[in-house]
Protein backbone atom coordinates (compact mmCIF):
# COMPACT_ATOMS: atom_id res chain seq x y z
CA MET A 1 -72.48 -1.62 -79.01
CA THR A 2 -72.91 2.13 -78.62
CA THR A 3 -72.96 4.71 -81.39
CA ARG A 4 -70.25 7.34 -81.73
CA LEU A 5 -72.72 9.96 -80.56
CA GLU A 6 -73.52 7.90 -77.46
CA ARG A 7 -69.79 7.49 -76.72
CA PHE A 8 -69.26 11.26 -77.00
CA GLU A 9 -72.17 11.84 -74.61
CA LEU A 10 -70.91 9.14 -72.20
CA VAL A 11 -67.45 10.70 -72.02
CA LYS A 12 -68.95 14.11 -71.32
CA LYS A 13 -71.10 12.58 -68.56
CA TRP A 14 -68.21 10.62 -66.99
CA THR A 15 -65.81 13.56 -67.01
CA GLY A 16 -68.38 16.22 -66.18
CA TRP A 17 -66.86 18.37 -68.94
CA SER A 18 -68.73 20.63 -71.30
CA GLY A 19 -67.87 20.33 -74.98
CA ARG A 20 -65.77 23.50 -74.71
CA GLU A 21 -63.86 22.22 -71.70
CA TRP A 22 -63.14 18.90 -73.42
CA ALA A 23 -61.91 20.71 -76.54
CA ARG A 24 -59.57 22.84 -74.38
CA LYS A 25 -58.22 19.80 -72.55
CA ALA A 26 -57.65 18.05 -75.89
CA GLN A 27 -55.90 21.22 -77.14
CA LEU A 28 -58.14 21.50 -80.17
CA LYS A 29 -57.87 24.75 -82.14
CA GLU A 30 -61.55 25.66 -81.76
CA GLU A 31 -63.32 25.55 -78.39
CA ASN A 32 -66.64 24.67 -80.04
CA HIS A 33 -65.15 21.73 -82.00
CA VAL A 34 -66.60 19.00 -79.74
CA ASN A 35 -70.04 20.58 -79.84
CA LEU A 36 -69.85 20.81 -83.65
CA ILE A 37 -68.89 17.13 -83.89
CA ILE A 38 -71.81 16.15 -81.64
CA GLN A 39 -74.18 18.26 -83.74
CA ARG A 40 -72.87 16.61 -86.95
CA LEU A 41 -73.27 13.14 -85.42
CA ARG A 42 -76.88 13.95 -84.49
CA GLU A 43 -77.57 14.96 -88.10
CA ASN A 44 -75.55 12.12 -89.64
CA PRO A 45 -74.43 9.20 -87.43
CA GLU A 46 -71.94 8.20 -90.16
CA ALA A 47 -70.20 11.61 -90.24
CA THR A 48 -66.43 11.34 -90.46
CA ILE A 49 -64.15 12.68 -87.76
CA ASP A 50 -60.48 13.47 -88.30
CA ALA A 51 -58.19 10.79 -86.82
CA ALA A 52 -55.99 13.33 -85.05
CA THR A 53 -59.07 14.84 -83.39
CA LEU A 54 -60.27 11.43 -82.20
CA VAL A 55 -56.82 10.67 -80.76
CA ALA A 56 -56.65 14.02 -78.95
CA LEU A 57 -60.17 13.67 -77.52
CA ALA A 58 -59.62 10.06 -76.37
CA ASP A 59 -56.28 10.93 -74.79
CA ALA A 60 -57.67 13.98 -73.00
CA ALA A 61 -60.51 11.90 -71.56
CA ASP A 62 -58.17 8.95 -70.85
CA VAL A 63 -60.35 6.45 -72.71
CA SER A 64 -59.40 3.72 -75.16
CA LEU A 65 -59.12 4.94 -78.73
CA ASP A 66 -60.57 1.64 -80.01
CA TRP A 67 -63.63 2.07 -77.82
CA PHE A 68 -64.05 5.79 -78.45
CA ALA A 69 -63.59 5.73 -82.22
CA ARG A 70 -64.94 2.30 -83.13
CA GLY A 71 -66.96 1.01 -80.17
CA ILE A 72 -64.62 -1.96 -79.70
CA GLY A 73 -63.57 -3.19 -76.27
CA SER A 74 -63.94 -1.21 -73.10
CA PRO A 75 -63.42 2.48 -72.38
CA GLN A 76 -60.27 1.63 -70.43
CA GLY A 77 -57.58 0.35 -72.69
CA HIS A 78 -54.43 0.69 -74.69
CA ARG A 79 -53.46 4.26 -75.51
CA ILE A 80 -51.13 5.36 -78.28
CA GLU A 81 -48.42 7.21 -76.39
CA PRO A 82 -46.58 10.13 -77.99
CA ASP A 83 -43.39 9.01 -79.72
CA ALA A 84 -40.48 11.31 -78.85
CA GLU A 85 -38.14 9.71 -81.39
CA PHE A 86 -40.55 9.80 -84.36
CA PRO A 87 -43.57 12.04 -83.61
CA SER A 88 -45.37 11.27 -86.87
CA ARG A 89 -45.35 7.55 -86.06
CA SER A 90 -47.91 8.08 -83.25
CA LEU A 91 -50.48 9.55 -85.63
CA ALA A 92 -49.90 6.79 -88.19
CA LEU A 93 -50.32 4.12 -85.49
CA ALA A 94 -53.52 5.75 -84.27
CA ALA A 95 -54.90 5.94 -87.82
CA ALA A 96 -54.03 2.28 -88.37
CA ARG A 97 -55.87 1.34 -85.16
CA LEU A 98 -58.92 3.21 -86.41
CA ILE A 99 -59.06 1.13 -89.58
CA GLY A 100 -58.60 -2.11 -87.65
CA ILE A 101 -54.96 -3.04 -88.30
CA ASP A 102 -53.83 -5.85 -85.99
CA ARG A 103 -51.98 -4.77 -82.83
CA GLY A 104 -49.15 -7.21 -83.61
CA VAL A 105 -48.40 -5.24 -86.78
CA LEU A 106 -48.50 -1.99 -84.85
CA ASP A 107 -46.11 -3.40 -82.25
CA GLU A 108 -43.67 -4.36 -85.05
CA VAL A 109 -43.70 -0.81 -86.40
CA LYS A 110 -43.31 0.65 -82.88
CA LYS A 111 -40.05 -1.30 -82.55
CA MET A 112 -38.52 0.10 -85.75
CA ALA A 113 -35.40 2.12 -85.03
CA GLY A 114 -32.19 3.21 -86.70
CA LEU A 115 -33.56 6.09 -88.74
CA LYS A 116 -31.72 9.41 -88.47
CA THR A 117 -34.85 11.58 -88.64
CA ASP A 118 -38.60 11.16 -88.54
CA PRO A 119 -39.51 10.15 -92.11
CA GLY A 120 -43.12 11.33 -91.75
CA ALA A 121 -46.57 9.79 -91.40
CA HIS A 122 -46.62 8.75 -95.08
CA PHE A 123 -43.61 6.46 -94.48
CA TRP A 124 -45.09 4.99 -91.28
CA LEU A 125 -48.44 4.27 -92.92
CA HIS A 126 -46.66 2.51 -95.76
CA GLN A 127 -44.72 0.37 -93.25
CA ILE A 128 -47.90 -0.52 -91.37
CA LEU A 129 -49.91 -1.40 -94.47
CA ALA A 130 -47.06 -3.45 -95.98
CA ARG A 131 -46.66 -5.49 -92.78
CA ALA A 132 -50.43 -5.99 -92.59
CA GLY A 133 -50.45 -7.32 -96.16
CA VAL A 134 -52.70 -4.52 -97.37
CA PRO A 135 -52.13 -3.70 -101.06
CA THR A 136 -51.17 -0.09 -101.40
CA ASP A 137 -50.27 2.26 -104.19
CA ILE A 138 -48.53 4.66 -101.81
CA ASP A 139 -45.19 5.60 -103.32
CA VAL A 140 -42.63 6.27 -100.60
CA PRO A 141 -39.69 8.27 -101.96
CA SER A 142 -36.27 6.70 -101.48
CA SER A 143 -34.84 10.02 -100.38
CA LEU A 144 -36.65 12.53 -98.29
CA PRO A 145 -36.77 16.26 -99.00
CA PRO A 146 -34.57 18.50 -96.87
CA PRO A 147 -36.05 19.54 -93.52
CA PRO A 148 -37.87 22.87 -93.31
CA THR A 149 -35.79 25.97 -92.69
CA ALA A 150 -36.50 28.46 -89.93
CA GLU A 151 -38.94 30.14 -92.35
CA GLY A 152 -40.82 26.86 -92.72
CA ARG A 153 -39.94 26.18 -96.37
CA ALA A 154 -38.06 23.04 -97.30
CA GLY A 155 -34.82 23.45 -99.19
CA LYS A 156 -34.90 27.25 -99.55
CA LYS A 157 -31.40 28.30 -98.57
CA GLY A 158 -29.95 31.74 -98.68
CA ARG A 159 -33.28 33.57 -98.61
CA GLN A 160 -33.73 35.67 -95.54
CA LYS A 161 -36.90 37.20 -94.24
CA ARG A 162 -36.73 40.99 -94.13
């Protein structure tokens, strides 16, 4: 099994990308983000990396998230595709893969339909963990807050930006 640092270096070698180029292709906010991660992994092989960043980097390089994040399987593998119906579900599925939730559970959650709006990553994580039999103290509200307004604030009606 390879270390996370070795997998980062392998992807850079296979793609021929610099850290900056990989960060751009992954649409990360900071161009030096990949290089900072590599530096952190050199200093601390157990350093944590944000799940959304791992997903973006694996997708940009077209490598398996399981292999890239956890060293499981081969570099070619199952990708978490963006979910047009419920965008937050993709991130929850990717996070669940990172912590080793069974693919059968993830497939069950992928098939869920009939919701009027995307209930958010919190809801999807709760669904995944419940189906996996993982005890959780996550409290999912029975009703969701109103969607954000054009100003980006939920439930603030009648206030206009001047």
